[in-house]
PDB file of N, CA and C in Angstrom:
ATOM      1  N   MET A   1       0.863  -1.173   0.000  1.00  0.00           N
ATOM      2  CA  MET A   1       0.000   0.000   0.000  1.00  0.00           C
ATOM      3  C   MET A   1       0.911   1.238   0.000  1.00  0.00           C
ATOM      4  N   PRO A   2       0.592   2.175  -0.860  1.00  0.00           N
ATOM      5  CA  PRO A   2       1.410   3.394  -0.913  1.00  0.00           C
ATOM      6  C   PRO A   2       1.354   4.160   0.413  1.00  0.00           C
ATOM      7  N   LEU A   3       2.405   4.869   0.650  1.00  0.00           N
ATOM      8  CA  LEU A   3       2.544   5.609   1.905  1.00  0.00           C
ATOM      9  C   LEU A   3       1.469   6.680   2.058  1.00  0.00           C
ATOM     10  N   TRP A   4       1.091   7.360   0.976  1.00  0.00           N
ATOM     11  CA  TRP A   4       0.098   8.432   1.081  1.00  0.00           C
ATOM     12  C   TRP A   4      -1.281   7.887   1.432  1.00  0.00           C
ATOM     13  N   ILE A   5      -1.591   6.657   0.987  1.00  0.00           N
ATOM     14  CA  ILE A   5      -2.891   6.059   1.334  1.00  0.00           C
ATOM     15  C   ILE A   5      -2.916   5.708   2.824  1.00  0.00           C
ATOM     16  N   SER A   6      -1.847   5.129   3.327  1.00  0.00           N
ATOM     17  CA  SER A   6      -1.816   4.796   4.755  1.00  0.00           C
ATOM     18  C   SER A   6      -1.844   6.065   5.610  1.00  0.00           C
ATOM     19  N   ALA A   7      -1.196   7.128   5.151  1.00  0.00           N
ATOM     20  CA  ALA A   7      -1.238   8.402   5.883  1.00  0.00           C
ATOM     21  C   ALA A   7      -2.649   8.981   5.863  1.00  0.00           C
ATOM     22  N   LEU A   8      -3.330   8.863   4.734  1.00  0.00           N
ATOM     23  CA  LEU A   8      -4.711   9.341   4.620  1.00  0.00           C
ATOM     24  C   LEU A   8      -5.638   8.550   5.541  1.00  0.00           C
ATOM     25  N   LEU A   9      -5.471   7.240   5.563  1.00  0.00           N
ATOM     26  CA  LEU A   9      -6.283   6.406   6.452  1.00  0.00           C
ATOM     27  C   LEU A   9      -6.032   6.751   7.920  1.00  0.00           C
ATOM     28  N   GLN A  10      -4.784   6.965   8.274  1.00  0.00           N
ATOM     29  CA  GLN A  10      -4.453   7.339   9.654  1.00  0.00           C
ATOM     30  C   GLN A  10      -5.071   8.690  10.014  1.00  0.00           C
ATOM     31  N   ALA A  11      -5.030   9.637   9.080  1.00  0.00           N
ATOM     32  CA  ALA A  11      -5.635  10.951   9.325  1.00  0.00           C
ATOM     33  C   ALA A  11      -7.143  10.820   9.500  1.00  0.00           C
ATOM     34  N   LEU A  12      -7.778   9.983   8.686  1.00  0.00           N
ATOM     35  CA  LEU A  12      -9.222   9.758   8.828  1.00  0.00           C
ATOM     36  C   LEU A  12      -9.540   9.126  10.184  1.00  0.00           C
ATOM     37  N   ARG A  13      -8.734   8.158  10.592  1.00  0.00           N
ATOM     38  CA  ARG A  13      -8.935   7.527  11.898  1.00  0.00           C
ATOM     39  C   ARG A  13      -8.801   8.560  13.016  1.00  0.00           C
ATOM     40  N   ASP A  14      -7.795   9.408  12.899  1.00  0.00           N
ATOM     41  CA  ASP A  14      -7.576  10.437  13.920  1.00  0.00           C
ATOM     42  C   ASP A  14      -8.732  11.427  13.988  1.00  0.00           C
ATOM     43  N   LEU A  15      -9.341  11.709  12.848  1.00  0.00           N
ATOM     44  CA  LEU A  15     -10.480  12.629  12.826  1.00  0.00           C
ATOM     45  C   LEU A  15     -11.761  11.961  13.315  1.00  0.00           C
ATOM     46  N   MET A  16     -11.911  10.681  13.063  1.00  0.00           N
ATOM     47  CA  MET A  16     -13.146   9.983  13.418  1.00  0.00           C
ATOM     48  C   MET A  16     -13.225   9.641  14.906  1.00  0.00           C
ATOM     49  N   GLN A  17     -12.091   9.417  15.552  1.00  0.00           N
ATOM     50  CA  GLN A  17     -12.116   9.005  16.958  1.00  0.00           C
ATOM     51  C   GLN A  17     -12.814  10.015  17.872  1.00  0.00           C
ATOM     52  N   PRO A  18     -12.502  11.306  17.795  1.00  0.00           N
ATOM     53  CA  PRO A  18     -13.231  12.254  18.668  1.00  0.00           C
ATOM     54  C   PRO A  18     -14.730  12.305  18.346  1.00  0.00           C
ATOM     55  N   PHE A  19     -15.071  12.214  17.077  1.00  0.00           N
ATOM     56  CA  PHE A  19     -16.479  12.235  16.688  1.00  0.00           C
ATOM     57  C   PHE A  19     -17.212  11.018  17.248  1.00  0.00           C
ATOM     58  N   LEU A  20     -16.604   9.846  17.116  1.00  0.00           N
ATOM     59  CA  LEU A  20     -17.229   8.630  17.639  1.00  0.00           C
ATOM     60  C   LEU A  20     -17.345   8.677  19.160  1.00  0.00           C
ATOM     61  N   ALA A  21     -16.334   9.218  19.822  1.00  0.00           N
ATOM     62  CA  ALA A  21     -16.392   9.359  21.278  1.00  0.00           C
ATOM     63  C   ALA A  21     -17.517  10.318  21.675  1.00  0.00           C
ATOM     64  N   TYR A  22     -17.676  11.400  20.927  1.00  0.00           N
ATOM     65  CA  TYR A  22     -18.749  12.361  21.190  1.00  0.00           C
ATOM     66  C   TYR A  22     -20.113  11.701  21.022  1.00  0.00           C
ATOM     67  N   MET A  23     -20.276  10.947  19.929  1.00  0.00           N
ATOM     68  CA  MET A  23     -21.561  10.294  19.673  1.00  0.00           C
ATOM     69  C   MET A  23     -21.863   9.237  20.737  1.00  0.00           C
ATOM     70  N   LEU A  24     -20.849   8.503  21.165  1.00  0.00           N
ATOM     71  CA  LEU A  24     -21.038   7.503  22.211  1.00  0.00           C
ATOM     72  C   LEU A  24     -21.437   8.178  23.525  1.00  0.00           C
ATOM     73  N   GLY A  25     -20.773   9.263  23.865  1.00  0.00           N
ATOM     74  CA  GLY A  25     -21.120   9.996  25.082  1.00  0.00           C
ATOM     75  C   GLY A  25     -22.526  10.560  25.017  1.00  0.00           C
ATOM     76  N   LYS A  26     -22.910  11.039  23.854  1.00  0.00           N
ATOM     77  CA  LYS A  26     -24.257  11.583  23.668  1.00  0.00           C
ATOM     78  C   LYS A  26     -25.309  10.488  23.852  1.00  0.00           C
ATOM     79  N   GLU A  27     -25.034   9.307  23.313  1.00  0.00           N
ATOM     80  CA  GLU A  27     -25.963   8.186  23.451  1.00  0.00           C
ATOM     81  C   GLU A  27     -26.056   7.736  24.907  1.00  0.00           C
ATOM     82  N   GLN A  28     -24.922   7.691  25.598  1.00  0.00           N
ATOM     83  CA  GLN A  28     -24.941   7.313  27.015  1.00  0.00           C
ATOM     84  C   GLN A  28     -25.723   8.327  27.837  1.00  0.00           C
ATOM     85  N   LEU A  29     -25.565   9.612  27.536  1.00  0.00           N
ATOM     86  CA  LEU A  29     -26.311  10.654  28.230  1.00  0.00           C
ATOM     87  C   LEU A  29     -27.808  10.505  27.971  1.00  0.00           C
ATOM     88  N   ARG A  30     -28.173  10.220  26.740  1.00  0.00           N
ATOM     89  CA  ARG A  30     -29.580  10.036  26.390  1.00  0.00           C
ATOM     90  C   ARG A  30     -30.174   8.850  27.155  1.00  0.00           C
ATOM     91  N   ARG A  31     -29.424   7.760  27.248  1.00  0.00           N
ATOM     92  CA  ARG A  31     -29.902   6.582  27.995  1.00  0.00           C
ATOM     93  C   ARG A  31     -30.055   6.898  29.476  1.00  0.00           C
ATOM     94  N   LYS A  32     -29.080   7.611  30.036  1.00  0.00           N
ATOM     95  CA  LYS A  32     -29.137   7.964  31.455  1.00  0.00           C
ATOM     96  C   LYS A  32     -30.350   8.846  31.743  1.00  0.00           C
ATOM     97  N   GLN A  33     -30.599   9.822  30.868  1.00  0.00           N
ATOM     98  CA  GLN A  33     -31.756  10.698  31.061  1.00  0.00           C
ATOM     99  C   GLN A  33     -33.058   9.921  30.926  1.00  0.00           C
ATOM    100  N   ALA A  34     -33.109   8.963  30.010  1.00  0.00           N
ATOM    101  CA  ALA A  34     -34.314   8.148  29.848  1.00  0.00           C
ATOM    102  C   ALA A  34     -34.560   7.313  31.103  1.00  0.00           C
ATOM    103  N   GLU A  35     -33.496   6.750  31.679  1.00  0.00           N
ATOM    104  CA  GLU A  35     -33.638   5.984  32.920  1.00  0.00           C
ATOM    105  C   GLU A  35     -34.117   6.875  34.063  1.00  0.00           C
ATOM    106  N   GLU A  36     -33.553   8.077  34.169  1.00  0.00           N
ATOM    107  CA  GLU A  36     -33.966   8.999  35.231  1.00  0.00           C
ATOM    108  C   GLU A  36     -35.425   9.412  35.056  1.00  0.00           C
ATOM    109  N   ASN A  37     -35.828   9.653  33.810  1.00  0.00           N
ATOM    110  CA  ASN A  37     -37.221  10.020  33.557  1.00  0.00           C
ATOM    111  C   ASN A  37     -38.159   8.884  33.931  1.00  0.00           C
ATOM    112  N   LEU A  38     -37.756   7.647  33.644  1.00  0.00           N
ATOM    113  CA  LEU A  38     -38.580   6.496  33.993  1.00  0.00           C
ATOM    114  C   LEU A  38     -38.696   6.359  35.508  1.00  0.00           C
ATOM    115  N   GLU A  39     -37.576   6.514  36.219  1.00  0.00           N
ATOM    116  CA  GLU A  39     -37.611   6.446  37.682  1.00  0.00           C
ATOM    117  C   GLU A  39     -38.491   7.545  38.259  1.00  0.00           C
ATOM    118  N   LEU A  40     -38.391   8.738  37.696  1.00  0.00           N
ATOM    119  CA  LEU A  40     -39.206   9.856  38.162  1.00  0.00           C
ATOM    120  C   LEU A  40     -40.688   9.585  37.922  1.00  0.00           C
ATOM    121  N   GLN A  41     -41.018   9.061  36.754  1.00  0.00           N
ATOM    122  CA  GLN A  41     -42.409   8.736  36.438  1.00  0.00           C
ATOM    123  C   GLN A  41     -42.940   7.672  37.396  1.00  0.00           C
ATOM    124  N   GLU A  42     -42.120   6.652  37.685  1.00  0.00           N
ATOM    125  CA  GLU A  42     -42.549   5.605  38.616  1.00  0.00           C
ATOM    126  C   GLU A  42     -42.776   6.169  40.013  1.00  0.00           C
ATOM    127  N   SER A  43     -41.897   7.077  40.456  1.00  0.00           N
ATOM    128  CA  SER A  43     -42.084   7.654  41.786  1.00  0.00           C
ATOM    129  C   SER A  43     -43.319   8.551  41.816  1.00  0.00           C
ATOM    130  N   TYR A  44     -43.592   9.277  40.726  1.00  0.00           N
ATOM    131  CA  TYR A  44     -44.819  10.071  40.662  1.00  0.00           C
ATOM    132  C   TYR A  44     -46.050   9.176  40.734  1.00  0.00           C
ATOM    133  N   GLU A  45     -46.018   8.063  40.015  1.00  0.00           N
ATOM    134  CA  GLU A  45     -47.163   7.148  40.042  1.00  0.00           C
ATOM    135  C   GLU A  45     -47.362   6.564  41.432  1.00  0.00           C
ATOM    136  N   LYS A  46     -46.252   6.232  42.109  1.00  0.00           N
ATOM    137  CA  LYS A  46     -46.347   5.680  43.458  1.00  0.00           C
ATOM    138  C   LYS A  46     -46.931   6.718  44.414  1.00  0.00           C
ATOM    139  N   LEU A  47     -46.438   7.955  44.345  1.00  0.00           N
ATOM    140  CA  LEU A  47     -46.968   9.015  45.203  1.00  0.00           C
ATOM    141  C   LEU A  47     -48.425   9.307  44.882  1.00  0.00           C
ATOM    142  N   ASP A  48     -48.760   9.273  43.608  1.00  0.00           N
ATOM    143  CA  ASP A  48     -50.136   9.507  43.191  1.00  0.00           C
ATOM    144  C   ASP A  48     -51.058   8.449  43.781  1.00  0.00           C
ATOM    145  N   GLU A  49     -50.607   7.198  43.769  1.00  0.00           N
ATOM    146  CA  GLU A  49     -51.411   6.113  44.325  1.00  0.00           C
ATOM    147  C   GLU A  49     -51.543   6.257  45.838  1.00  0.00           C
ATOM    148  N   GLN A  50     -50.454   6.670  46.508  1.00  0.00           N
ATOM    149  CA  GLN A  50     -50.504   6.847  47.964  1.00  0.00           C
ATOM    150  C   GLN A  50     -51.444   7.984  48.356  1.00  0.00           C
ATOM    151  N   ASN A  51     -51.494   9.032  47.557  1.00  0.00           N
ATOM    152  CA  ASN A  51     -52.291  10.213  47.897  1.00  0.00           C
ATOM    153  C   ASN A  51     -53.689  10.184  47.303  1.00  0.00           C
ATOM    154  N   LYS A  52     -54.053   9.096  46.670  1.00  0.00           N
ATOM    155  CA  LYS A  52     -55.350   9.025  45.992  1.00  0.00           C
ATOM    156  C   LYS A  52     -56.511   9.238  46.967  1.00  0.00           C
ATOM    157  N   SER A  53     -56.453   8.592  48.128  1.00  0.00           N
ATOM    158  CA  SER A  53     -57.557   8.735  49.080  1.00  0.00           C
ATOM    159  C   SER A  53     -57.674  10.178  49.566  1.00  0.00           C
ATOM    160  N   TYR A  54     -56.551  10.839  49.800  1.00  0.00           N
ATOM    161  CA  TYR A  54     -56.594  12.237  50.236  1.00  0.00           C
ATOM    162  C   TYR A  54     -57.182  13.126  49.148  1.00  0.00           C
ATOM    163  N   ARG A  55     -56.795  12.867  47.919  1.00  0.00           N
ATOM    164  CA  ARG A  55     -57.281  13.682  46.811  1.00  0.00           C
ATOM    165  C   ARG A  55     -58.791  13.493  46.629  1.00  0.00           C
ATOM    166  N   ASP A  56     -59.246  12.242  46.706  1.00  0.00           N
ATOM    167  CA  ASP A  56     -60.680  11.979  46.552  1.00  0.00           C
ATOM    168  C   ASP A  56     -61.476  12.609  47.693  1.00  0.00           C
ATOM    169  N   ARG A  57     -60.940  12.503  48.901  1.00  0.00           N
ATOM    170  CA  ARG A  57     -61.620  13.083  50.052  1.00  0.00           C
ATOM    171  C   ARG A  57     -61.696  14.597  49.906  1.00  0.00           C
ATOM    172  N   GLY A  58     -60.643  15.204  49.414  1.00  0.00           N
ATOM    173  CA  GLY A  58     -60.621  16.649  49.229  1.00  0.00           C
ATOM    174  C   GLY A  58     -61.642  17.113  48.211  1.00  0.00           C
ATOM    175  N   LYS A  59     -61.843  16.347  47.148  1.00  0.00           N
ATOM    176  CA  LYS A  59     -62.813  16.737  46.127  1.00  0.00           C
ATOM    177  C   LYS A  59     -64.224  16.713  46.688  1.00  0.00           C
ATOM    178  N   SER A  60     -64.565  15.649  47.407  1.00  0.00           N
ATOM    179  CA  SER A  60     -65.921  15.578  47.951  1.00  0.00           C
ATOM    180  C   SER A  60     -66.130  16.676  48.992  1.00  0.00           C
ATOM    181  N   GLY A  61     -65.108  16.964  49.780  1.00  0.00           N
ATOM    182  CA  GLY A  61     -65.218  18.034  50.762  1.00  0.00           C
ATOM    183  C   GLY A  61     -65.394  19.385  50.097  1.00  0.00           C
ATOM    184  N   LEU A  62     -64.721  19.599  48.985  1.00  0.00           N
ATOM    185  CA  LEU A  62     -64.840  20.852  48.253  1.00  0.00           C
ATOM    186  C   LEU A  62     -66.251  21.012  47.693  1.00  0.00           C
ATOM    187  N   LEU A  63     -66.785  19.936  47.134  1.00  0.00           N
ATOM    188  CA  LEU A  63     -68.151  20.001  46.599  1.00  0.00           C
ATOM    189  C   LEU A  63     -69.159  20.298  47.708  1.00  0.00           C
ATOM    190  N   GLU A  64     -68.953  19.687  48.860  1.00  0.00           N
ATOM    191  CA  GLU A  64     -69.858  19.926  49.985  1.00  0.00           C
ATOM    192  C   GLU A  64     -69.777  21.384  50.440  1.00  0.00           C
ATOM    193  N   ARG A  65     -68.584  21.955  50.513  1.00  0.00           N
ATOM    194  CA  ARG A  65     -68.443  23.362  50.904  1.00  0.00           C
ATOM    195  C   ARG A  65     -69.109  24.287  49.886  1.00  0.00           C
ATOM    196  N   LEU A  66     -68.975  23.964  48.593  1.00  0.00           N
ATOM    197  CA  LEU A  66     -69.631  24.783  47.573  1.00  0.00           C
ATOM    198  C   LEU A  66     -71.149  24.726  47.708  1.00  0.00           C
ATOM    199  N   ARG A  67     -71.694  23.539  47.985  1.00  0.00           N
ATOM    200  CA  ARG A  67     -73.144  23.407  48.170  1.00  0.00           C
ATOM    201  C   ARG A  67     -73.621  24.229  49.365  1.00  0.00           C
ATOM    202  N   LYS A  68     -72.876  24.161  50.462  1.00  0.00           N
ATOM    203  CA  LYS A  68     -73.257  24.916  51.658  1.00  0.00           C
ATOM    204  C   LYS A  68     -73.215  26.413  51.392  1.00  0.00           C
ATOM    205  N   ARG A  69     -72.187  26.863  50.659  1.00  0.00           N
ATOM    206  CA  ARG A  69     -72.061  28.283  50.351  1.00  0.00           C
ATOM    207  C   ARG A  69     -73.224  28.739  49.465  1.00  0.00           C
ATOM    208  N   ARG A  70     -73.577  27.947  48.473  1.00  0.00           N
ATOM    209  CA  ARG A  70     -74.699  28.313  47.590  1.00  0.00           C
ATOM    210  C   ARG A  70     -76.016  28.353  48.354  1.00  0.00           C
ATOM    211  N   ASN A  71     -76.196  27.382  49.250  1.00  0.00           N
ATOM    212  CA  ASN A  71     -77.419  27.377  50.052  1.00  0.00           C
ATOM    213  C   ASN A  71     -77.472  28.594  50.971  1.00  0.00           C
ATOM    214  N   ALA A  72     -76.327  28.976  51.530  1.00  0.00           N
ATOM    215  CA  ALA A  72     -76.286  30.140  52.415  1.00  0.00           C
ATOM    216  C   ALA A  72     -76.539  31.423  51.626  1.00  0.00           C
ATOM    217  N   GLU A  73     -76.015  31.507  50.398  1.00  0.00           N
ATOM    218  CA  GLU A  73     -76.244  32.694  49.574  1.00  0.00           C
ATOM    219  C   GLU A  73     -77.692  32.775  49.109  1.00  0.00           C
ATOM    220  N   ALA A  74     -78.314  31.633  48.881  1.00  0.00           N
ATOM    221  CA  ALA A  74     -79.702  31.616  48.415  1.00  0.00           C
ATOM    222  C   ALA A  74     -80.661  32.062  49.520  1.00  0.00           C
ATOM    223  N   LYS A  75     -80.314  31.828  50.778  1.00  0.00           N
ATOM    224  CA  LYS A  75     -81.198  32.202  51.898  1.00  0.00           C
ATOM    225  C   LYS A  75     -81.076  33.640  52.137  1.00  0.00           C
TER     226      LYS A  75
END
């Protein structure tokens, strides 16, 4: 193989290595963020399930207060 071809191949390798490292790091970051988002979503769902009874109780209490206020305003 001629010397200029091997030098060209070496130069291409030298240029591609930082790009490939950048792309690999970007992919790893994307995976890490996806995992964190999944964990966050799971914790939100768990908290939502734990607080469901409080939320339901609050809604019925709010409706009852609105009914009482309307009845008081009507009198």
